[in-house]
C-alpha atoms as a PDB file:
ATOM      1  CA  MET A   1     -53.606   2.886-142.545  1.00  0.00           C
ATOM      2  CA  ALA A   2     -50.697   1.292-141.607  1.00  0.00           C
ATOM      3  CA  PRO A   3     -48.579   1.772-138.424  1.00  0.00           C
ATOM      4  CA  VAL A   4     -45.432   3.779-138.905  1.00  0.00           C
ATOM      5  CA  ARG A   5     -42.492   1.716-138.120  1.00  0.00           C
ATOM      6  CA  THR A   6     -39.282   3.208-136.766  1.00  0.00           C
ATOM      7  CA  PRO A   7     -35.966   1.427-137.421  1.00  0.00           C
ATOM      8  CA  HIS A   8     -35.699   0.895-133.758  1.00  0.00           C
ATOM      9  CA  ALA A   9     -38.759  -1.227-133.595  1.00  0.00           C
ATOM     10  CA  PHE A  10     -37.967  -3.029-136.848  1.00  0.00           C
ATOM     11  CA  PHE A  11     -34.766  -4.230-135.661  1.00  0.00           C
ATOM     12  CA  GLU A  12     -36.213  -5.189-132.299  1.00  0.00           C
ATOM     13  CA  GLN A  13     -38.811  -7.375-134.324  1.00  0.00           C
ATOM     14  CA  LEU A  14     -36.095  -8.888-136.428  1.00  0.00           C
ATOM     15  CA  GLY A  15     -33.840  -9.723-133.405  1.00  0.00           C
ATOM     16  CA  GLU A  16     -37.192 -11.395-131.739  1.00  0.00           C
ATOM     17  CA  SER A  17     -37.911 -13.347-134.798  1.00  0.00           C
ATOM     18  CA  LEU A  18     -34.179 -14.812-135.266  1.00  0.00           C
ATOM     19  CA  GLY A  19     -33.915 -15.716-131.843  1.00  0.00           C
ATOM     20  CA  ARG A  20     -37.002 -17.740-132.073  1.00  0.00           C
ATOM     21  CA  ARG A  21     -35.802 -19.596-134.938  1.00  0.00           C
ATOM     22  CA  LEU A  22     -32.316 -20.398-133.329  1.00  0.00           C
ATOM     23  CA  ALA A  23     -33.665 -21.179-130.055  1.00  0.00           C
ATOM     24  CA  ALA A  24     -36.175 -23.996-132.156  1.00  0.00           C
ATOM     25  CA  ARG A  25     -33.283 -25.001-134.165  1.00  0.00           C
ATOM     26  CA  PHE A  26     -30.559 -25.275-131.760  1.00  0.00           C
ATOM     27  CA  PRO A  27     -31.967 -26.145-128.288  1.00  0.00           C
ATOM     28  CA  VAL A  28     -29.838 -25.088-125.243  1.00  0.00           C
ATOM     29  CA  ARG A  29     -29.089 -27.977-122.544  1.00  0.00           C
ATOM     30  CA  LEU A  30     -28.482 -26.190-119.195  1.00  0.00           C
ATOM     31  CA  GLN A  31     -25.916 -27.763-117.005  1.00  0.00           C
ATOM     32  CA  GLU A  32     -25.467 -27.550-113.295  1.00  0.00           C
ATOM     33  CA  ALA A  33     -22.297 -26.457-112.630  1.00  0.00           C
ATOM     34  CA  PRO A  34     -20.290 -28.512-110.319  1.00  0.00           C
ATOM     35  CA  ALA A  35     -19.898 -27.607-106.698  1.00  0.00           C
ATOM     36  CA  PRO A  36     -16.719 -25.816-105.836  1.00  0.00           C
ATOM     37  CA  ALA A  37     -14.209 -27.867-103.567  1.00  0.00           C
ATOM     38  CA  PRO A  38     -13.897 -27.029-100.070  1.00  0.00           C
ATOM     39  CA  ARG A  39     -10.926 -24.908 -99.470  1.00  0.00           C
ATOM     40  CA  PRO A  40      -8.516 -26.323 -96.815  1.00  0.00           C
ATOM     41  CA  ALA A  41      -7.955 -24.081 -93.640  1.00  0.00           C
ATOM     42  CA  PRO A  42      -4.842 -21.875 -93.845  1.00  0.00           C
ATOM     43  CA  ALA A  43      -2.044 -23.275 -91.967  1.00  0.00           C
ATOM     44  CA  LYS A  44      -0.616 -21.253 -89.006  1.00  0.00           C
ATOM     45  CA  ARG A  45       2.644 -19.713 -89.406  1.00  0.00           C
ATOM     46  CA  VAL A  46       5.036 -19.552 -86.500  1.00  0.00           C
ATOM     47  CA  ARG A  47       8.074 -17.691 -86.969  1.00  0.00           C
ATOM     48  CA  ALA A  48      10.881 -18.158 -84.574  1.00  0.00           C
ATOM     49  CA  GLN A  49      11.692 -14.772 -82.888  1.00  0.00           C
ATOM     50  CA  ALA A  50      15.640 -14.836 -83.028  1.00  0.00           C
ATOM     51  CA  PRO A  51      17.205 -11.914 -80.747  1.00  0.00           C
ATOM     52  CA  ARG A  52      18.464  -9.485 -82.783  1.00  0.00           C
ATOM     53  CA  PRO A  53      21.977  -8.123 -82.348  1.00  0.00           C
ATOM     54  CA  ALA A  54      22.865  -4.949 -80.859  1.00  0.00           C
ATOM     55  CA  PRO A  55      23.799  -2.302 -83.578  1.00  0.00           C
ATOM     56  CA  ALA A  56      27.538  -1.638 -83.971  1.00  0.00           C
ATOM     57  CA  LYS A  57      28.953   1.151 -81.853  1.00  0.00           C
ATOM     58  CA  THR A  58      31.080   2.671 -84.242  1.00  0.00           C
ATOM     59  CA  ALA A  59      31.532   6.357 -84.545  1.00  0.00           C
ATOM     60  CA  LEU A  60      30.338   7.232 -87.802  1.00  0.00           C
ATOM     61  CA  ARG A  61      31.693  10.471 -89.437  1.00  0.00           C
ATOM     62  CA  ARG A  62      30.032  12.534 -91.528  1.00  0.00           C
ATOM     63  CA  THR A  63      30.605  15.784 -93.018  1.00  0.00           C
ATOM     64  CA  VAL A  64      27.955  18.103 -93.352  1.00  0.00           C
ATOM     65  CA  ARG A  65      27.777  21.268 -95.478  1.00  0.00           C
ATOM     66  CA  SER A  66      26.088  24.183 -94.303  1.00  0.00           C
ATOM     67  CA  ALA A  67      23.864  25.991 -96.488  1.00  0.00           C
ATOM     68  CA  ALA A  68      25.176  29.614 -97.354  1.00  0.00           C
ATOM     69  CA  PRO A  69      23.629  32.095 -95.089  1.00  0.00           C
ATOM     70  CA  LYS A  70      20.768  34.378 -96.470  1.00  0.00           C
ATOM     71  CA  GLY A  71      22.048  37.690 -97.588  1.00  0.00           C
ATOM     72  CA  ARG A  72      25.823  36.434 -97.669  1.00  0.00           C
ATOM     73  CA  LEU A  73      25.953  35.487-101.091  1.00  0.00           C
ATOM     74  CA  THR A  74      26.250  38.126-103.611  1.00  0.00           C
ATOM     75  CA  ALA A  75      26.477  38.300-107.289  1.00  0.00           C
ATOM     76  CA  GLY A  76      29.930  36.565-108.524  1.00  0.00           C
ATOM     77  CA  ASP A  77      30.379  34.206-105.797  1.00  0.00           C
ATOM     78  CA  LEU A  78      31.587  30.681-106.572  1.00  0.00           C
ATOM     79  CA  VAL A  79      28.998  28.123-105.022  1.00  0.00           C
ATOM     80  CA  SER A  80      27.943  24.328-105.436  1.00  0.00           C
ATOM     81  CA  TYR A  81      24.953  22.815-105.566  1.00  0.00           C
ATOM     82  CA  ARG A  82      23.214  19.086-105.916  1.00  0.00           C
ATOM     83  CA  GLN A  83      20.688  18.250-108.572  1.00  0.00           C
ATOM     84  CA  GLY A  84      19.949  14.693-108.695  1.00  0.00           C
ATOM     85  CA  ARG A  85      22.882  12.420-108.305  1.00  0.00           C
ATOM     86  CA  GLY A  86      25.464  15.144-109.103  1.00  0.00           C
ATOM     87  CA  SER A  87      27.083  17.817-107.562  1.00  0.00           C
ATOM     88  CA  PHE A  88      27.607  21.032-109.772  1.00  0.00           C
ATOM     89  CA  SER A  89      29.725  24.066-109.206  1.00  0.00           C
ATOM     90  CA  ALA A  90      28.316  27.422-110.223  1.00  0.00           C
ATOM     91  CA  GLU A  91      28.629  31.195-110.092  1.00  0.00           C
ATOM     92  CA  VAL A  92      25.710  33.510-108.302  1.00  0.00           C
ATOM     93  CA  VAL A  93      24.133  35.510-110.861  1.00  0.00           C
ATOM     94  CA  ARG A  94      21.252  36.940-108.911  1.00  0.00           C
ATOM     95  CA  VAL A  95      20.171  36.993-105.380  1.00  0.00           C
ATOM     96  CA  ASP A  96      16.364  37.585-104.221  1.00  0.00           C
ATOM     97  CA  ALA A  97      16.821  37.375-100.331  1.00  0.00           C
ATOM     98  CA  ILE A  98      13.002  38.176-100.206  1.00  0.00           C
ATOM     99  CA  SER A  99      11.737  34.990-101.836  1.00  0.00           C
ATOM    100  CA  GLY A 100      15.035  32.947-101.299  1.00  0.00           C
ATOM    101  CA  ILE A 101      15.753  32.014-104.760  1.00  0.00           C
ATOM    102  CA  VAL A 102      19.194  32.206-106.627  1.00  0.00           C
ATOM    103  CA  THR A 103      19.867  32.051-109.982  1.00  0.00           C
ATOM    104  CA  LEU A 104      23.165  30.281-110.818  1.00  0.00           C
ATOM    105  CA  GLN A 105      25.394  29.949-113.744  1.00  0.00           C
ATOM    106  CA  ARG A 106      26.982  26.563-114.126  1.00  0.00           C
ATOM    107  CA  THR A 107      30.840  26.921-114.529  1.00  0.00           C
ATOM    108  CA  ASN A 108      31.331  23.809-116.840  1.00  0.00           C
ATOM    109  CA  ASP A 109      28.238  24.444-119.342  1.00  0.00           C
ATOM    110  CA  GLY A 110      27.199  27.799-118.612  1.00  0.00           C
ATOM    111  CA  LYS A 111      23.567  26.707-118.095  1.00  0.00           C
ATOM    112  CA  ARG A 112      21.361  29.162-115.761  1.00  0.00           C
ATOM    113  CA  VAL A 113      19.534  27.535-113.178  1.00  0.00           C
ATOM    114  CA  VAL A 114      17.175  28.730-110.258  1.00  0.00           C
ATOM    115  CA  ARG A 115      17.549  26.992-106.989  1.00  0.00           C
ATOM    116  CA  PRO A 116      16.067  27.561-103.598  1.00  0.00           C
ATOM    117  CA  LEU A 117      19.033  29.811-101.044  1.00  0.00           C
ATOM    118  CA  ASP A 118      18.822  27.195 -98.511  1.00  0.00           C
ATOM    119  CA  ARG A 119      20.146  24.570-101.069  1.00  0.00           C
ATOM    120  CA  VAL A 120      23.272  26.284-102.337  1.00  0.00           C
ATOM    121  CA  TYR A 121      26.440  25.551-100.728  1.00  0.00           C
ATOM    122  CA  ALA A 122      29.554  28.150-100.323  1.00  0.00           C
ATOM    123  CA  ALA A 123      32.558  26.697-102.396  1.00  0.00           C
END
């Protein structure tokens, strides 16, 4: 009775026989890889330390907008808030003092937005 050949065994034997025939027809000549060139030592960099000038003592004036205190805002108040690079004016629609969230409606396009209470400023 002939042995049962699986597809895996068949292709394995086919690969071996093809490999032997190709190796006999095209002999491979191994060449030694050339030795890598020696690397030069890294040069030490010396940076001249120039004295830093003292910072200018000019009085900088900044206007600081204080956030609206909790509980002071009610529905209908006009406020402003920042989003991205812009500042928007809006009207307060709803205030949730417990969670600190304010629902606003923009005055220019009417879109409703939700913002934290500490990021909303009195207009």
